[in-house]
Amino acid sequence: GHEIETHVSAGSAQKGLKHKETCAEGFPPDFVWGLGTAAYQIEGGVRLFGREPSIWDTFSHTPGKTFNGSTGDVACDHIHRWPQDVALMSSIGLKHYRLSLSWSRVMSWDNGNKKMVPNEPGISFYRTLLEALHKAGITAYVTLYHWDLPQVLHDEMGGWHTPDNEAVLREFDEYARLSFQRFGDLVAMWMTFNEPWTFTVAGYSAGNHAPGCAPFQDSELPCSNGDRAPYIVAHNVLNAHARASAIYRSEFQLKHGGKISITFPCEISTGLTNSE
């Protein structure tokens, strides 16, 4: 689904929080309101512009895995409707928009050389979309990975669930570098991963997100390592984040002037009153 995005500097969480610090009298000047989406959730066109399957294609097409068997094959049809979508964003005065790239659309699998290579039709789609956002005065915040690992990297290279998986880490390095090269002049803020805790636990422990791994499953598929898998995945993902961030900061940040970070799911609880 679509998300309401909020970004704000960390505030005080100390006991005795003053009334004005709760934003009851308005948000701080640097508070950013925006909207957020994910590629598989909205794009559709799963075979258009050279896109290849991701783990979410496989998972959603497995009977019983999603509500009413829903898939992202069509979704919101953003792949065709993006001009109207950008116009709609402009009509409501939207200034900040977070979207994700589909790794499986930006790159494709070269079976002869056993690696991912640039997919120019997919790159052209995202370049055109980002140019339209820029022309409309909408600042783009781009996520490299919103849970949709190319299925071939799961099958051929052991995915995120293989310990210290240098092969997949190198692939993510090249995906990140390619994205920075082709889109960086149009992106104000990069996020390496969306909610790594969520897809690590839901995808590799609970089994209710792609790729559907869970402890004590009947076979080695869709992934091995049982109850160790989420810790292995987390380790690989954090290394991938660090490496991609280093690439951006050393090779692209000075030229493009953007920022890079990561998206975490956060919760906050406050007392009903200030009593002990």
Protein backbone atom coordinates (compact mmCIF):
# COMPACT_ATOMS: atom_id res chain seq x y z
CA GLY A 1 0.00 0.00 0.00
CA HIS A 2 0.89 3.64 -0.09
CA GLU A 3 2.61 5.21 2.87
CA ILE A 4 2.48 8.61 4.51
CA GLU A 5 6.10 9.68 4.83
CA THR A 6 7.35 11.87 7.66
CA HIS A 7 10.92 12.96 8.29
CA VAL A 8 11.96 15.06 11.25
CA SER A 9 15.02 15.57 13.40
CA ALA A 10 15.07 13.50 16.56
CA GLY A 11 13.25 15.21 19.40
CA SER A 12 13.35 14.87 23.13
CA ALA A 13 12.00 11.67 24.66
CA GLN A 14 12.75 12.65 28.23
CA LYS A 15 10.19 12.47 31.02
CA GLY A 16 8.27 15.68 31.49
CA LEU A 17 8.04 16.47 27.77
CA LYS A 18 6.70 19.98 27.37
CA HIS A 19 3.38 20.45 25.63
CA LYS A 20 4.86 22.43 22.75
CA GLU A 21 7.44 19.66 22.10
CA THR A 22 4.68 17.18 21.18
CA CYS A 23 3.89 19.12 17.97
CA ALA A 24 0.39 19.89 19.31
CA GLU A 25 0.97 23.52 18.35
CA GLY A 26 2.43 22.76 14.95
CA PHE A 27 5.31 20.86 13.38
CA PRO A 28 8.92 22.11 13.32
CA PRO A 29 10.06 24.11 10.28
CA ASP A 30 12.27 21.25 9.07
CA PHE A 31 9.50 18.65 9.19
CA VAL A 32 8.96 17.07 5.77
CA TRP A 33 5.60 15.71 4.63
CA GLY A 34 5.48 13.41 1.65
CA LEU A 35 4.14 10.23 0.13
CA GLY A 36 5.87 6.92 -0.40
CA THR A 37 5.41 3.87 -2.62
CA ALA A 38 7.25 0.69 -3.53
CA ALA A 39 7.92 -0.63 -7.02
CA TYR A 40 6.23 -4.02 -6.67
CA GLN A 41 3.25 -2.51 -4.86
CA ILE A 42 2.34 -0.02 -7.59
CA GLU A 43 4.11 -0.54 -10.91
CA GLY A 44 2.62 -3.66 -12.48
CA GLY A 45 4.01 -4.46 -15.93
CA VAL A 46 6.00 -7.34 -14.54
CA ARG A 47 7.37 -8.25 -17.98
CA LEU A 48 7.59 -4.76 -19.46
CA PHE A 49 10.87 -2.98 -20.27
CA GLY A 50 12.88 -6.15 -19.74
CA ARG A 51 11.85 -6.74 -16.14
CA GLU A 52 12.59 -10.22 -14.78
CA PRO A 53 11.00 -12.02 -11.79
CA SER A 54 11.75 -11.06 -8.20
CA ILE A 55 11.19 -13.12 -5.08
CA TRP A 56 7.87 -11.32 -4.63
CA ASP A 57 6.66 -12.52 -8.04
CA THR A 58 7.43 -16.09 -7.04
CA PHE A 59 5.97 -15.72 -3.56
CA SER A 60 2.74 -14.02 -4.61
CA HIS A 61 2.12 -16.61 -7.33
CA THR A 62 2.44 -19.44 -4.81
CA PRO A 63 -1.08 -20.56 -3.80
CA GLY A 64 -2.07 -19.54 -0.29
CA LYS A 65 0.71 -17.01 0.25
CA THR A 66 -1.23 -13.77 -0.30
CA PHE A 67 -4.75 -12.55 0.46
CA ASN A 68 -7.10 -13.79 -2.25
CA GLY A 69 -4.07 -14.76 -4.32
CA SER A 70 -3.23 -11.12 -5.05
CA THR A 71 -0.08 -10.39 -7.07
CA GLY A 72 1.75 -7.32 -8.31
CA ASP A 73 1.29 -8.25 -11.97
CA VAL A 74 -0.88 -5.17 -12.57
CA ALA A 75 -1.09 -3.47 -9.15
CA CYS A 76 -1.86 0.25 -9.64
CA ASP A 77 -0.59 0.06 -13.25
CA HIS A 78 1.86 2.87 -12.52
CA ILE A 79 4.05 1.59 -15.35
CA HIS A 80 1.43 2.94 -17.77
CA ARG A 81 -0.25 5.59 -15.63
CA TRP A 82 2.79 7.42 -14.27
CA PRO A 83 2.08 10.65 -16.22
CA GLN A 84 -1.37 10.86 -14.63
CA ASP A 85 0.11 9.91 -11.26
CA VAL A 86 2.68 12.72 -11.43
CA ALA A 87 -0.07 15.13 -12.45
CA LEU A 88 -2.15 13.96 -9.50
CA MET A 89 0.79 14.55 -7.14
CA SER A 90 1.15 18.07 -8.50
CA SER A 91 -2.58 18.75 -8.17
CA ILE A 92 -2.48 18.10 -4.40
CA GLY A 93 0.65 20.20 -3.92
CA LEU A 94 2.97 17.27 -3.16
CA LYS A 95 6.62 18.32 -2.88
CA HIS A 96 8.35 15.17 -1.59
CA TYR A 97 7.91 11.66 -2.99
CA ARG A 98 9.63 8.42 -2.04
CA LEU A 99 9.71 5.62 -4.59
CA SER A 100 11.73 2.47 -5.02
CA LEU A 101 13.52 1.02 -8.02
CA SER A 102 12.90 -2.54 -9.11
CA TRP A 103 16.34 -4.18 -9.22
CA SER A 104 14.81 -6.68 -11.68
CA ARG A 105 13.88 -3.84 -14.05
CA VAL A 106 17.08 -1.81 -13.74
CA MET A 107 19.25 -4.89 -14.36
CA SER A 108 18.83 -8.27 -16.03
CA TRP A 109 20.61 -11.60 -15.73
CA ASP A 110 23.43 -12.45 -18.15
CA ASN A 111 23.39 -16.22 -17.99
CA GLY A 112 26.58 -16.57 -20.01
CA ASN A 113 28.65 -14.50 -17.59
CA LYS A 114 26.54 -15.34 -14.53
CA LYS A 115 25.98 -11.77 -13.42
CA MET A 116 23.48 -8.93 -13.56
CA VAL A 117 23.95 -6.35 -16.33
CA PRO A 118 22.28 -2.98 -17.08
CA ASN A 119 18.84 -3.21 -18.66
CA GLU A 120 18.51 -0.08 -20.75
CA PRO A 121 14.71 -0.10 -21.29
CA GLY A 122 14.15 -0.32 -17.54
CA ILE A 123 16.70 2.38 -16.84
CA SER A 124 15.00 4.62 -19.41
CA PHE A 125 11.63 4.17 -17.67
CA TYR A 126 12.97 5.35 -14.32
CA ARG A 127 14.99 8.17 -15.88
CA THR A 128 11.87 9.49 -17.61
CA LEU A 129 9.83 9.24 -14.41
CA LEU A 130 12.45 11.05 -12.34
CA GLU A 131 12.74 13.79 -14.95
CA ALA A 132 8.98 14.28 -14.84
CA LEU A 133 9.05 14.55 -11.04
CA HIS A 134 11.87 17.08 -11.24
CA LYS A 135 9.98 19.14 -13.82
CA ALA A 136 6.92 19.10 -11.55
CA GLY A 137 8.96 20.45 -8.63
CA ILE A 138 8.70 17.19 -6.66
CA THR A 139 11.79 16.12 -4.74
CA ALA A 140 12.62 12.44 -5.26
CA TYR A 141 13.69 10.14 -2.43
CA VAL A 142 14.74 6.84 -3.96
CA THR A 143 14.99 3.43 -2.28
CA LEU A 144 17.28 0.88 -3.87
CA TYR A 145 15.74 -2.17 -2.24
CA HIS A 146 12.12 -2.46 -1.14
CA TRP A 147 12.12 -6.25 -0.55
CA ASP A 148 12.20 -7.43 -4.19
CA LEU A 149 15.45 -9.37 -4.66
CA PRO A 150 15.81 -10.66 -8.23
CA GLN A 151 14.75 -14.32 -8.09
CA VAL A 152 17.82 -15.36 -10.05
CA LEU A 153 20.12 -14.01 -7.32
CA HIS A 154 18.21 -16.05 -4.75
CA ASP A 155 18.49 -19.18 -6.91
CA GLU A 156 21.90 -18.82 -8.53
CA MET A 157 23.87 -16.96 -5.86
CA GLY A 158 22.29 -17.94 -2.57
CA GLY A 159 20.44 -14.67 -1.94
CA TRP A 160 20.62 -12.86 1.39
CA HIS A 161 20.33 -16.10 3.37
CA THR A 162 23.79 -17.50 2.59
CA PRO A 163 26.43 -16.61 5.21
CA ASP A 164 28.87 -13.85 4.22
CA ASN A 165 27.57 -13.92 0.66
CA GLU A 166 30.21 -11.91 -1.17
CA ALA A 167 28.67 -12.77 -4.54
CA VAL A 168 25.36 -11.05 -3.73
CA LEU A 169 27.14 -8.19 -1.97
CA ARG A 170 29.14 -7.53 -5.14
CA GLU A 171 25.94 -7.61 -7.18
CA PHE A 172 24.35 -5.04 -4.86
CA ASP A 173 27.48 -2.88 -5.13
CA GLU A 174 27.09 -2.81 -8.91
CA TYR A 175 23.34 -2.21 -8.77
CA ALA A 176 23.85 0.71 -6.40
CA ARG A 177 26.69 2.16 -8.48
CA LEU A 178 24.65 1.89 -11.69
CA SER A 179 21.67 3.61 -10.03
CA PHE A 180 23.85 6.43 -8.70
CA GLN A 181 25.42 6.88 -12.14
CA ARG A 182 22.19 6.96 -14.12
CA PHE A 183 19.83 8.71 -11.71
CA GLY A 184 21.94 10.52 -9.13
CA ASP A 185 21.57 14.00 -10.61
CA LEU A 186 17.80 13.73 -10.08
CA VAL A 187 17.77 12.24 -6.57
CA ALA A 188 18.02 14.32 -3.40
CA MET A 189 18.03 11.42 -0.96
CA TRP A 190 18.91 7.75 -1.39
CA MET A 191 17.78 4.96 0.89
CA THR A 192 19.68 1.71 0.54
CA PHE A 193 17.05 -0.56 2.12
CA ASN A 194 13.46 -0.19 3.22
CA GLU A 195 12.78 -1.61 6.68
CA PRO A 196 15.43 -4.35 6.85
CA TRP A 197 13.99 -5.65 10.13
CA THR A 198 10.61 -6.22 8.46
CA PHE A 199 11.74 -8.25 5.46
CA THR A 200 14.39 -10.08 7.48
CA VAL A 201 11.90 -11.33 10.06
CA ALA A 202 8.79 -11.64 7.88
CA GLY A 203 10.63 -13.10 4.90
CA TYR A 204 13.19 -15.33 6.55
CA SER A 205 11.66 -16.30 9.89
CA ALA A 206 7.88 -15.85 9.97
CA GLY A 207 7.64 -16.89 6.34
CA ASN A 208 4.71 -14.59 5.55
CA HIS A 209 6.69 -12.32 3.20
CA ALA A 210 8.91 -13.23 0.26
CA PRO A 211 10.78 -15.48 -0.06
CA GLY A 212 8.71 -17.31 2.56
CA CYS A 213 11.45 -18.95 4.62
CA ALA A 214 10.68 -20.26 8.09
CA PRO A 215 12.40 -22.43 10.71
CA PHE A 216 11.66 -26.14 10.56
CA GLN A 217 10.37 -25.98 6.97
CA ASP A 218 10.11 -29.32 5.20
CA SER A 219 12.92 -28.75 2.69
CA GLU A 220 15.93 -26.60 1.89
CA LEU A 221 13.67 -24.44 -0.29
CA PRO A 222 13.01 -21.57 -0.46
CA CYS A 223 16.09 -21.17 1.74
CA SER A 224 18.21 -23.10 4.19
CA ASN A 225 19.77 -22.34 7.58
CA GLY A 226 16.51 -22.62 9.51
CA ASP A 227 16.29 -20.39 12.55
CA ARG A 228 19.72 -18.86 11.80
CA ALA A 229 18.48 -17.36 8.52
CA PRO A 230 17.26 -13.96 9.80
CA TYR A 231 20.59 -13.28 11.51
CA ILE A 232 22.51 -14.24 8.37
CA VAL A 233 20.23 -12.05 6.25
CA ALA A 234 20.61 -9.10 8.62
CA HIS A 235 24.40 -9.42 8.53
CA ASN A 236 24.50 -9.45 4.73
CA VAL A 237 22.05 -6.56 4.42
CA LEU A 238 23.95 -4.35 6.86
CA ASN A 239 27.16 -5.03 4.97
CA ALA A 240 25.41 -4.21 1.68
CA HIS A 241 24.13 -0.94 3.16
CA ALA A 242 27.60 0.02 4.38
CA ARG A 243 29.25 -0.77 1.06
CA ALA A 244 26.65 1.06 -1.04
CA SER A 245 26.82 4.09 1.25
CA ALA A 246 30.61 4.15 0.93
CA ILE A 247 30.34 3.98 -2.87
CA TYR A 248 27.94 6.92 -2.96
CA ARG A 249 29.94 9.07 -0.57
CA SER A 250 33.29 8.40 -2.23
CA GLU A 251 32.24 8.43 -5.90
CA PHE A 252 29.02 10.46 -6.29
CA GLN A 253 28.07 12.67 -3.36
CA LEU A 254 30.39 15.55 -4.17
CA LYS A 255 29.15 15.65 -7.77
CA HIS A 256 25.43 15.21 -7.10
CA GLY A 257 25.11 16.83 -3.67
CA GLY A 258 22.61 14.29 -2.37
CA LYS A 259 22.41 12.27 0.80
CA ILE A 260 22.21 8.57 1.56
CA SER A 261 20.68 6.72 4.48
CA ILE A 262 18.46 3.74 5.31
CA THR A 263 14.78 3.44 6.23
CA PHE A 264 13.86 1.84 9.57
CA PRO A 265 10.42 0.97 10.91
CA CYS A 266 10.15 2.89 14.16
CA GLU A 267 7.63 2.91 16.96
CA ILE A 268 7.31 5.31 19.85
CA SER A 269 5.25 5.00 23.00
CA THR A 270 4.42 7.85 25.33
CA GLY A 271 2.64 7.86 28.63
CA LEU A 272 -0.97 8.89 28.77
CA THR A 273 -0.03 11.37 31.52
CA ASN A 274 3.15 12.73 33.07
CA SER A 275 2.47 10.91 36.34
CA GLU A 276 4.96 8.43 37.77
